[in-house]
C-alpha atoms as a PDB file:
ATOM      1  CA  UNK A   1       1.738  30.919   8.519  1.00  0.00           C
ATOM      2  CA  UNK A   2      -1.365  28.662   8.236  1.00  0.00           C
ATOM      3  CA  UNK A   3      -1.796  26.029  10.904  1.00  0.00           C
ATOM      4  CA  UNK A   4      -0.734  22.499  10.005  1.00  0.00           C
ATOM      5  CA  UNK A   5      -3.433  19.920   9.386  1.00  0.00           C
ATOM      6  CA  UNK A   6      -3.444  17.280  12.107  1.00  0.00           C
ATOM      7  CA  UNK A   7      -4.499  13.747  11.161  1.00  0.00           C
ATOM      8  CA  UNK A   8      -5.231  11.443  14.094  1.00  0.00           C
ATOM      9  CA  UNK A   9      -4.809   7.728  13.482  1.00  0.00           C
ATOM     10  CA  UNK A  10      -5.835   5.280  16.188  1.00  0.00           C
ATOM     11  CA  UNK A  11      -4.984   1.640  16.798  1.00  0.00           C
ATOM     12  CA  UNK A  12      -7.564  -0.401  18.698  1.00  0.00           C
ATOM     13  CA  UNK A  13      -5.700  -1.401  21.862  1.00  0.00           C
ATOM     14  CA  UNK A  14      -8.012  -3.895  23.561  1.00  0.00           C
ATOM     15  CA  UNK A  15      -5.838  -6.939  22.796  1.00  0.00           C
ATOM     16  CA  UNK A  16      -3.312  -8.115  20.226  1.00  0.00           C
ATOM     17  CA  UNK A  17      -0.400  -6.523  18.375  1.00  0.00           C
ATOM     18  CA  UNK A  18      -1.428  -2.870  18.717  1.00  0.00           C
ATOM     19  CA  UNK A  19       1.970  -1.569  19.912  1.00  0.00           C
ATOM     20  CA  UNK A  20       3.671  -3.127  16.858  1.00  0.00           C
ATOM     21  CA  UNK A  21       1.289  -1.192  14.593  1.00  0.00           C
ATOM     22  CA  UNK A  22       2.097   2.037  16.425  1.00  0.00           C
ATOM     23  CA  UNK A  23       5.815   1.459  15.864  1.00  0.00           C
ATOM     24  CA  UNK A  24       5.378   0.933  12.113  1.00  0.00           C
ATOM     25  CA  UNK A  25       3.048   3.926  11.891  1.00  0.00           C
ATOM     26  CA  UNK A  26       5.772   6.085  13.418  1.00  0.00           C
ATOM     27  CA  UNK A  27       8.171   4.761  10.788  1.00  0.00           C
ATOM     28  CA  UNK A  28       5.643   5.389   8.001  1.00  0.00           C
ATOM     29  CA  UNK A  29       4.752   8.934   9.035  1.00  0.00           C
ATOM     30  CA  UNK A  30       8.413   9.920   8.721  1.00  0.00           C
ATOM     31  CA  UNK A  31       7.917   9.532   4.953  1.00  0.00           C
ATOM     32  CA  UNK A  32       4.632  11.477   4.979  1.00  0.00           C
ATOM     33  CA  UNK A  33       5.380  14.695   6.838  1.00  0.00           C
ATOM     34  CA  UNK A  34       5.062  17.770   4.619  1.00  0.00           C
ATOM     35  CA  UNK A  35       5.208  21.107   6.438  1.00  0.00           C
ATOM     36  CA  UNK A  36       1.431  21.526   6.398  1.00  0.00           C
ATOM     37  CA  UNK A  37       0.665  18.086   7.863  1.00  0.00           C
ATOM     38  CA  UNK A  38       1.134  16.522  11.281  1.00  0.00           C
ATOM     39  CA  UNK A  39       0.326  12.980  12.379  1.00  0.00           C
ATOM     40  CA  UNK A  40      -1.050  12.094  15.807  1.00  0.00           C
ATOM     41  CA  UNK A  41      -0.975   8.394  16.719  1.00  0.00           C
ATOM     42  CA  UNK A  42      -3.055   7.124  19.635  1.00  0.00           C
ATOM     43  CA  UNK A  43      -4.099   3.855  21.274  1.00  0.00           C
ATOM     44  CA  UNK A  44      -7.882   3.483  21.336  1.00  0.00           C
ATOM     45  CA  UNK A  45      -9.634   1.909  24.331  1.00  0.00           C
ATOM     46  CA  UNK A  46     -12.663   4.162  24.841  1.00  0.00           C
ATOM     47  CA  UNK A  47     -15.406   5.739  22.701  1.00  0.00           C
ATOM     48  CA  UNK A  48     -13.932   9.153  23.524  1.00  0.00           C
ATOM     49  CA  UNK A  49     -10.554   8.159  22.064  1.00  0.00           C
ATOM     50  CA  UNK A  50     -12.230   6.650  18.998  1.00  0.00           C
ATOM     51  CA  UNK A  51     -14.145   9.896  18.380  1.00  0.00           C
ATOM     52  CA  UNK A  52     -10.822  11.719  17.931  1.00  0.00           C
ATOM     53  CA  UNK A  53      -9.688   9.457  15.076  1.00  0.00           C
ATOM     54  CA  UNK A  54      -9.642  10.193  11.360  1.00  0.00           C
ATOM     55  CA  UNK A  55      -8.572   6.583  10.660  1.00  0.00           C
ATOM     56  CA  UNK A  56      -8.367   3.359  12.654  1.00  0.00           C
ATOM     57  CA  UNK A  57      -6.374   0.118  12.592  1.00  0.00           C
ATOM     58  CA  UNK A  58      -7.776  -3.068  14.157  1.00  0.00           C
ATOM     59  CA  UNK A  59      -4.736  -5.266  14.851  1.00  0.00           C
ATOM     60  CA  UNK A  60      -4.047  -8.960  14.766  1.00  0.00           C
ATOM     61  CA  UNK A  61      -4.811 -10.917  17.906  1.00  0.00           C
ATOM     62  CA  UNK A  62      -7.858 -12.864  19.077  1.00  0.00           C
ATOM     63  CA  UNK A  63     -11.050 -11.604  17.437  1.00  0.00           C
ATOM     64  CA  UNK A  64     -13.377 -13.192  20.019  1.00  0.00           C
ATOM     65  CA  UNK A  65     -11.552 -11.494  22.896  1.00  0.00           C
ATOM     66  CA  UNK A  66     -11.511  -8.166  21.076  1.00  0.00           C
ATOM     67  CA  UNK A  67     -15.257  -8.244  20.416  1.00  0.00           C
ATOM     68  CA  UNK A  68     -16.082  -9.263  24.008  1.00  0.00           C
ATOM     69  CA  UNK A  69     -13.891  -6.551  25.516  1.00  0.00           C
ATOM     70  CA  UNK A  70     -15.283  -3.983  23.071  1.00  0.00           C
ATOM     71  CA  UNK A  71     -18.851  -4.919  24.026  1.00  0.00           C
ATOM     72  CA  UNK A  72     -18.129  -4.779  27.769  1.00  0.00           C
ATOM     73  CA  UNK A  73     -16.375  -1.417  27.493  1.00  0.00           C
ATOM     74  CA  UNK A  74     -19.171   0.179  25.458  1.00  0.00           C
ATOM     75  CA  UNK A  75     -16.968   0.436  22.375  1.00  0.00           C
ATOM     76  CA  UNK A  76     -18.623  -2.052  20.010  1.00  0.00           C
ATOM     77  CA  UNK A  77     -21.444   0.189  18.785  1.00  0.00           C
ATOM     78  CA  UNK A  78     -19.161   3.243  18.399  1.00  0.00           C
ATOM     79  CA  UNK A  79     -16.834   1.041  16.310  1.00  0.00           C
ATOM     80  CA  UNK A  80     -19.744   0.037  14.070  1.00  0.00           C
ATOM     81  CA  UNK A  81     -20.742   3.685  13.715  1.00  0.00           C
ATOM     82  CA  UNK A  82     -17.159   4.665  12.863  1.00  0.00           C
ATOM     83  CA  UNK A  83     -16.898   1.997  10.146  1.00  0.00           C
ATOM     84  CA  UNK A  84     -20.437   1.744   8.762  1.00  0.00           C
ATOM     85  CA  UNK A  85     -22.178   5.045   9.568  1.00  0.00           C
ATOM     86  CA  UNK A  86     -19.393   7.644   9.250  1.00  0.00           C
ATOM     87  CA  UNK A  87     -17.445   5.327   6.875  1.00  0.00           C
ATOM     88  CA  UNK A  88     -14.057   6.485   8.167  1.00  0.00           C
ATOM     89  CA  UNK A  89     -10.899   4.742   6.875  1.00  0.00           C
ATOM     90  CA  UNK A  90     -10.330   1.453   8.706  1.00  0.00           C
ATOM     91  CA  UNK A  91      -7.735  -1.292   8.259  1.00  0.00           C
ATOM     92  CA  UNK A  92      -7.982  -4.710   9.891  1.00  0.00           C
ATOM     93  CA  UNK A  93      -5.136  -7.249  10.039  1.00  0.00           C
ATOM     94  CA  UNK A  94      -5.882 -10.951  10.693  1.00  0.00           C
ATOM     95  CA  UNK A  95      -8.309 -10.741  13.641  1.00  0.00           C
ATOM     96  CA  UNK A  96      -9.182  -7.268  12.396  1.00  0.00           C
ATOM     97  CA  UNK A  97     -10.209  -8.731   9.042  1.00  0.00           C
ATOM     98  CA  UNK A  98     -12.563 -11.128  10.827  1.00  0.00           C
ATOM     99  CA  UNK A  99     -14.191  -8.322  12.796  1.00  0.00           C
ATOM    100  CA  UNK A 100     -14.648  -6.179   9.679  1.00  0.00           C
ATOM    101  CA  UNK A 101     -16.333  -8.957   7.665  1.00  0.00           C
ATOM    102  CA  UNK A 102     -20.085  -9.017   7.220  1.00  0.00           C
ATOM    103  CA  UNK A 103     -20.031 -12.791   7.730  1.00  0.00           C
ATOM    104  CA  UNK A 104     -17.703 -15.216   9.500  1.00  0.00           C
ATOM    105  CA  UNK A 105     -17.934 -18.992   9.712  1.00  0.00           C
ATOM    106  CA  UNK A 106     -16.437 -21.509  12.144  1.00  0.00           C
ATOM    107  CA  UNK A 107     -18.112 -19.361  14.775  1.00  0.00           C
ATOM    108  CA  UNK A 108     -20.810 -20.319  17.249  1.00  0.00           C
ATOM    109  CA  UNK A 109     -23.678 -17.858  17.454  1.00  0.00           C
ATOM    110  CA  UNK A 110     -23.260 -15.827  20.606  1.00  0.00           C
ATOM    111  CA  UNK A 111     -19.531 -16.574  20.745  1.00  0.00           C
ATOM    112  CA  UNK A 112     -18.521 -13.213  19.344  1.00  0.00           C
ATOM    113  CA  UNK A 113     -19.896 -10.259  17.398  1.00  0.00           C
ATOM    114  CA  UNK A 114     -18.751  -8.572  14.202  1.00  0.00           C
ATOM    115  CA  UNK A 115     -18.319  -4.928  13.320  1.00  0.00           C
ATOM    116  CA  UNK A 116     -18.821  -5.414   9.562  1.00  0.00           C
ATOM    117  CA  UNK A 117     -18.017  -3.138   6.654  1.00  0.00           C
ATOM    118  CA  UNK A 118     -16.667  -5.643   4.118  1.00  0.00           C
ATOM    119  CA  UNK A 119     -19.167  -7.641   2.049  1.00  0.00           C
ATOM    120  CA  UNK A 120     -17.237 -10.883   2.449  1.00  0.00           C
ATOM    121  CA  UNK A 121     -17.442 -14.153   4.338  1.00  0.00           C
ATOM    122  CA  UNK A 122     -14.240 -15.023   6.159  1.00  0.00           C
ATOM    123  CA  UNK A 123     -13.124 -18.502   7.151  1.00  0.00           C
ATOM    124  CA  UNK A 124     -11.630 -18.170  10.630  1.00  0.00           C
ATOM    125  CA  UNK A 125      -8.357 -19.978  11.425  1.00  0.00           C
ATOM    126  CA  UNK A 126      -8.285 -21.134   7.806  1.00  0.00           C
ATOM    127  CA  UNK A 127      -4.634 -22.175   7.951  1.00  0.00           C
ATOM    128  CA  UNK A 128      -4.965 -24.237  11.104  1.00  0.00           C
ATOM    129  CA  UNK A 129      -3.323 -23.999  14.485  1.00  0.00           C
ATOM    130  CA  UNK A 130      -0.464 -21.841  15.758  1.00  0.00           C
ATOM    131  CA  UNK A 131       1.986 -24.587  14.780  1.00  0.00           C
ATOM    132  CA  UNK A 132       0.914 -24.208  11.138  1.00  0.00           C
ATOM    133  CA  UNK A 133       2.074 -20.557  11.021  1.00  0.00           C
ATOM    134  CA  UNK A 134       4.213 -19.657   8.004  1.00  0.00           C
ATOM    135  CA  UNK A 135       5.670 -16.788   5.984  1.00  0.00           C
ATOM    136  CA  UNK A 136       5.545 -16.067   2.263  1.00  0.00           C
ATOM    137  CA  UNK A 137       7.182 -13.448   0.037  1.00  0.00           C
ATOM    138  CA  UNK A 138       4.387 -12.084  -2.139  1.00  0.00           C
ATOM    139  CA  UNK A 139       4.033  -9.471  -4.862  1.00  0.00           C
ATOM    140  CA  UNK A 140       1.504  -6.841  -3.775  1.00  0.00           C
ATOM    141  CA  UNK A 141       0.809  -4.622  -6.810  1.00  0.00           C
ATOM    142  CA  UNK A 142      -0.993  -1.951  -4.789  1.00  0.00           C
ATOM    143  CA  UNK A 143       2.319  -1.105  -3.102  1.00  0.00           C
ATOM    144  CA  UNK A 144       3.909   0.119  -6.343  1.00  0.00           C
ATOM    145  CA  UNK A 145       2.928   3.710  -5.583  1.00  0.00           C
ATOM    146  CA  UNK A 146       4.470   3.470  -2.110  1.00  0.00           C
ATOM    147  CA  UNK A 147       7.847   1.999  -2.970  1.00  0.00           C
ATOM    148  CA  UNK A 148      10.976   4.067  -3.367  1.00  0.00           C
ATOM    149  CA  UNK A 149      12.356   1.624  -5.904  1.00  0.00           C
ATOM    150  CA  UNK A 150      12.886   2.970  -9.401  1.00  0.00           C
ATOM    151  CA  UNK A 151      11.244  -0.061 -11.006  1.00  0.00           C
ATOM    152  CA  UNK A 152       7.512  -0.051 -11.613  1.00  0.00           C
ATOM    153  CA  UNK A 153       6.946  -3.183  -9.554  1.00  0.00           C
ATOM    154  CA  UNK A 154       7.333  -3.214  -5.789  1.00  0.00           C
ATOM    155  CA  UNK A 155       9.741  -5.777  -4.317  1.00  0.00           C
ATOM    156  CA  UNK A 156       8.120  -8.798  -2.612  1.00  0.00           C
ATOM    157  CA  UNK A 157       6.513  -8.258   0.775  1.00  0.00           C
ATOM    158  CA  UNK A 158       7.132 -10.793   3.556  1.00  0.00           C
ATOM    159  CA  UNK A 159       3.674 -11.846   4.739  1.00  0.00           C
ATOM    160  CA  UNK A 160       3.352 -13.478   8.165  1.00  0.00           C
ATOM    161  CA  UNK A 161       0.381 -15.837   8.617  1.00  0.00           C
ATOM    162  CA  UNK A 162      -0.579 -16.936  12.156  1.00  0.00           C
ATOM    163  CA  UNK A 163      -3.877 -18.816  12.563  1.00  0.00           C
ATOM    164  CA  UNK A 164      -4.943 -16.610   9.700  1.00  0.00           C
ATOM    165  CA  UNK A 165      -8.401 -16.241   8.142  1.00  0.00           C
ATOM    166  CA  UNK A 166      -9.056 -15.990   4.424  1.00  0.00           C
ATOM    167  CA  UNK A 167     -11.841 -14.415   2.424  1.00  0.00           C
ATOM    168  CA  UNK A 168     -13.868 -17.482   1.529  1.00  0.00           C
ATOM    169  CA  UNK A 169     -16.506 -15.662  -0.520  1.00  0.00           C
ATOM    170  CA  UNK A 170     -17.217 -12.161  -1.820  1.00  0.00           C
ATOM    171  CA  UNK A 171     -20.861 -11.472  -1.001  1.00  0.00           C
ATOM    172  CA  UNK A 172     -23.361  -9.475  -3.049  1.00  0.00           C
ATOM    173  CA  UNK A 173     -23.988  -6.086  -1.518  1.00  0.00           C
ATOM    174  CA  UNK A 174     -27.468  -5.804  -0.087  1.00  0.00           C
ATOM    175  CA  UNK A 175     -29.430  -3.409   2.068  1.00  0.00           C
ATOM    176  CA  UNK A 176     -29.655  -4.666   5.627  1.00  0.00           C
ATOM    177  CA  UNK A 177     -27.969  -7.776   7.018  1.00  0.00           C
ATOM    178  CA  UNK A 178     -26.633 -10.674   4.953  1.00  0.00           C
ATOM    179  CA  UNK A 179     -29.739 -12.765   5.609  1.00  0.00           C
ATOM    180  CA  UNK A 180     -28.646 -15.743   3.483  1.00  0.00           C
ATOM    181  CA  UNK A 181     -25.410 -15.935   5.462  1.00  0.00           C
ATOM    182  CA  UNK A 182     -27.356 -15.707   8.717  1.00  0.00           C
ATOM    183  CA  UNK A 183     -29.096 -18.991   7.904  1.00  0.00           C
ATOM    184  CA  UNK A 184     -25.819 -20.928   7.562  1.00  0.00           C
ATOM    185  CA  UNK A 185     -24.604 -23.166  10.374  1.00  0.00           C
ATOM    186  CA  UNK A 186     -21.749 -21.928  12.585  1.00  0.00           C
ATOM    187  CA  UNK A 187     -21.901 -18.533  10.881  1.00  0.00           C
ATOM    188  CA  UNK A 188     -22.443 -15.070  12.330  1.00  0.00           C
ATOM    189  CA  UNK A 189     -23.262 -11.825  10.525  1.00  0.00           C
ATOM    190  CA  UNK A 190     -22.789  -8.155  11.300  1.00  0.00           C
ATOM    191  CA  UNK A 191     -25.776  -5.921  12.060  1.00  0.00           C
ATOM    192  CA  UNK A 192     -26.993  -3.376   9.529  1.00  0.00           C
ATOM    193  CA  UNK A 193     -26.140   0.319   9.845  1.00  0.00           C
ATOM    194  CA  UNK A 194     -27.262   3.331   7.778  1.00  0.00           C
ATOM    195  CA  UNK A 195     -24.536   5.656   6.393  1.00  0.00           C
ATOM    196  CA  UNK A 196     -24.669   9.196   7.707  1.00  0.00           C
ATOM    197  CA  UNK A 197     -24.572  11.138   4.411  1.00  0.00           C
ATOM    198  CA  UNK A 198     -24.138  10.937   0.623  1.00  0.00           C
ATOM    199  CA  UNK A 199     -20.354  10.596   0.830  1.00  0.00           C
ATOM    200  CA  UNK A 200     -20.665   7.687   3.269  1.00  0.00           C
ATOM    201  CA  UNK A 201     -23.335   6.079   1.071  1.00  0.00           C
ATOM    202  CA  UNK A 202     -20.963   6.355  -1.890  1.00  0.00           C
ATOM    203  CA  UNK A 203     -18.340   4.411   0.071  1.00  0.00           C
ATOM    204  CA  UNK A 204     -20.943   1.799   0.969  1.00  0.00           C
ATOM    205  CA  UNK A 205     -21.860   1.249  -2.694  1.00  0.00           C
ATOM    206  CA  UNK A 206     -18.253   0.451  -3.642  1.00  0.00           C
ATOM    207  CA  UNK A 207     -17.510  -3.068  -4.863  1.00  0.00           C
ATOM    208  CA  UNK A 208     -15.153  -5.377  -3.011  1.00  0.00           C
ATOM    209  CA  UNK A 209     -11.689  -5.281  -4.602  1.00  0.00           C
ATOM    210  CA  UNK A 210      -9.329  -8.241  -4.299  1.00  0.00           C
ATOM    211  CA  UNK A 211      -5.978  -6.712  -3.351  1.00  0.00           C
ATOM    212  CA  UNK A 212      -3.864  -9.855  -2.852  1.00  0.00           C
ATOM    213  CA  UNK A 213      -4.058 -13.634  -3.239  1.00  0.00           C
ATOM    214  CA  UNK A 214      -1.957 -16.575  -2.071  1.00  0.00           C
ATOM    215  CA  UNK A 215      -1.257 -19.616  -4.218  1.00  0.00           C
ATOM    216  CA  UNK A 216      -2.435 -22.821  -2.570  1.00  0.00           C
ATOM    217  CA  UNK A 217       0.526 -24.569  -4.243  1.00  0.00           C
ATOM    218  CA  UNK A 218       2.831 -22.956  -1.708  1.00  0.00           C
ATOM    219  CA  UNK A 219       4.887 -25.774  -0.087  1.00  0.00           C
ATOM    220  CA  UNK A 220       3.911 -24.661   3.413  1.00  0.00           C
ATOM    221  CA  UNK A 221       0.242 -25.122   2.511  1.00  0.00           C
ATOM    222  CA  UNK A 222       0.743 -28.443   0.753  1.00  0.00           C
ATOM    223  CA  UNK A 223       2.246 -29.796   3.965  1.00  0.00           C
ATOM    224  CA  UNK A 224      -0.603 -28.408   6.099  1.00  0.00           C
ATOM    225  CA  UNK A 225      -3.219 -31.113   6.506  1.00  0.00           C
ATOM    226  CA  UNK A 226      -5.792 -28.687   7.978  1.00  0.00           C
ATOM    227  CA  UNK A 227      -5.822 -26.496   4.891  1.00  0.00           C
ATOM    228  CA  UNK A 228      -8.660 -27.129   2.409  1.00  0.00           C
ATOM    229  CA  UNK A 229      -7.469 -26.662  -1.178  1.00  0.00           C
ATOM    230  CA  UNK A 230     -10.747 -25.595  -2.754  1.00  0.00           C
ATOM    231  CA  UNK A 231      -9.159 -23.277  -5.319  1.00  0.00           C
ATOM    232  CA  UNK A 232      -5.810 -22.417  -6.868  1.00  0.00           C
ATOM    233  CA  UNK A 233      -5.619 -19.224  -4.804  1.00  0.00           C
ATOM    234  CA  UNK A 234      -6.807 -17.904  -1.466  1.00  0.00           C
ATOM    235  CA  UNK A 235      -7.970 -14.293  -1.144  1.00  0.00           C
ATOM    236  CA  UNK A 236      -5.857 -12.692   1.576  1.00  0.00           C
ATOM    237  CA  UNK A 237      -6.498  -8.942   1.174  1.00  0.00           C
ATOM    238  CA  UNK A 238      -9.583  -6.959   0.134  1.00  0.00           C
ATOM    239  CA  UNK A 239     -10.813  -3.390   0.067  1.00  0.00           C
ATOM    240  CA  UNK A 240     -14.313  -1.966  -0.138  1.00  0.00           C
ATOM    241  CA  UNK A 241     -14.625   1.798  -0.044  1.00  0.00           C
ATOM    242  CA  UNK A 242     -13.210   2.978   3.268  1.00  0.00           C
ATOM    243  CA  UNK A 243     -12.462  -0.510   4.631  1.00  0.00           C
ATOM    244  CA  UNK A 244      -9.290  -2.530   4.001  1.00  0.00           C
ATOM    245  CA  UNK A 245      -8.491  -5.944   5.456  1.00  0.00           C
ATOM    246  CA  UNK A 246      -5.709  -8.506   5.154  1.00  0.00           C
ATOM    247  CA  UNK A 247      -5.176 -12.026   6.484  1.00  0.00           C
ATOM    248  CA  UNK A 248      -1.530 -11.571   7.379  1.00  0.00           C
ATOM    249  CA  UNK A 249       0.352  -9.490   9.975  1.00  0.00           C
ATOM    250  CA  UNK A 250       2.243  -6.501   8.477  1.00  0.00           C
ATOM    251  CA  UNK A 251       2.783  -5.297  12.043  1.00  0.00           C
ATOM    252  CA  UNK A 252       5.062  -8.284  12.719  1.00  0.00           C
ATOM    253  CA  UNK A 253       7.586  -7.191  10.089  1.00  0.00           C
ATOM    254  CA  UNK A 254       9.922  -4.217   9.822  1.00  0.00           C
ATOM    255  CA  UNK A 255       8.472  -3.261   6.431  1.00  0.00           C
ATOM    256  CA  UNK A 256       6.307  -0.126   6.682  1.00  0.00           C
ATOM    257  CA  UNK A 257       5.220  -0.008   3.028  1.00  0.00           C
ATOM    258  CA  UNK A 258       1.623  -1.088   3.635  1.00  0.00           C
ATOM    259  CA  UNK A 259       1.351   1.423   6.474  1.00  0.00           C
ATOM    260  CA  UNK A 260       2.615   4.159   4.142  1.00  0.00           C
ATOM    261  CA  UNK A 261       0.109   3.109   1.476  1.00  0.00           C
ATOM    262  CA  UNK A 262      -2.779   3.067   3.964  1.00  0.00           C
ATOM    263  CA  UNK A 263      -1.885   6.442   5.481  1.00  0.00           C
ATOM    264  CA  UNK A 264      -2.051   7.892   1.966  1.00  0.00           C
ATOM    265  CA  UNK A 265      -5.540   6.386   1.712  1.00  0.00           C
ATOM    266  CA  UNK A 266      -6.440   8.169   4.958  1.00  0.00           C
ATOM    267  CA  UNK A 267      -5.113  11.462   3.574  1.00  0.00           C
ATOM    268  CA  UNK A 268      -7.182  11.073   0.410  1.00  0.00           C
ATOM    269  CA  UNK A 269     -10.288  10.212   2.444  1.00  0.00           C
ATOM    270  CA  UNK A 270      -9.838  13.372   4.518  1.00  0.00           C
ATOM    271  CA  UNK A 271      -9.473  15.461   1.363  1.00  0.00           C
ATOM    272  CA  UNK A 272     -12.698  13.966  -0.056  1.00  0.00           C
ATOM    273  CA  UNK A 273     -14.492  14.671   3.223  1.00  0.00           C
ATOM    274  CA  UNK A 274     -13.291  18.294   3.275  1.00  0.00           C
ATOM    275  CA  UNK A 275     -14.364  18.814  -0.349  1.00  0.00           C
ATOM    276  CA  UNK A 276     -17.772  17.253   0.349  1.00  0.00           C
ATOM    277  CA  UNK A 277     -18.356  19.427   3.422  1.00  0.00           C
ATOM    278  CA  UNK A 278     -17.275  22.563   1.527  1.00  0.00           C
ATOM    279  CA  UNK A 279     -19.669  21.776  -1.322  1.00  0.00           C
ATOM    280  CA  UNK A 280     -22.439  21.035   1.196  1.00  0.00           C
ATOM    281  CA  UNK A 281     -21.934  24.424   2.884  1.00  0.00           C
ATOM    282  CA  UNK A 282     -21.915  26.144  -0.522  1.00  0.00           C
ATOM    283  CA  UNK A 283     -25.237  24.530  -1.446  1.00  0.00           C
ATOM    284  CA  UNK A 284     -26.720  25.635   1.880  1.00  0.00           C
END
């Protein structure tokens, strides 16, 4: 019998809710275990562990702490290479979304660093302090393919927001750093990286997709005096090529549907990589 394909998914375990992600990943892989596929789930704290991963989750927590620990442990540059050079599948939740943005405001220069990968500006702590945390049942259309319900629409997903960021602006894609963003006050930008090959460059050229929004008419937001109601909706989930980010904390629920959806994205990315490498060897 042919050997089973092993897909290794890592969760960055420097700080934050990494163990909760691991638990939901275990639940999700139970639904994605054909005979020719095996899942390996690991906590990532070193460049060596990161190098084993086919996909990576950056959990919710404190983005400043994560970036400082990553820098001190020699993991920051390997993370940037994983996301922006190899363009492997990556998912960031809350703090992870901040780290994966190309620009973040409400941040003093030198206070933290970004990984990048998403051409967006995020507004850190957009919903205020810990005491302004809230939950909302939202329709997430991209989950329709992952639900076991017979209806075409997925049931609402309970989104948990804790000192959450939002995508304040979708930025134009440009070669190099987001120089216009760099000139803004209290704003930091991610460094530029060059994709490793044509497949990675294809991922880089992808447009930012808005995957979910939150109505600012939600009662919890109307009562929150720190929230700025600049528009009718806040962008709370985006995808660009290999990178997915959301403002809320799926890991703090018992609902594994987003994890199932994302693992399918990882599987598809691996299939594209295998096809690309086969075609490359054929050309050679």
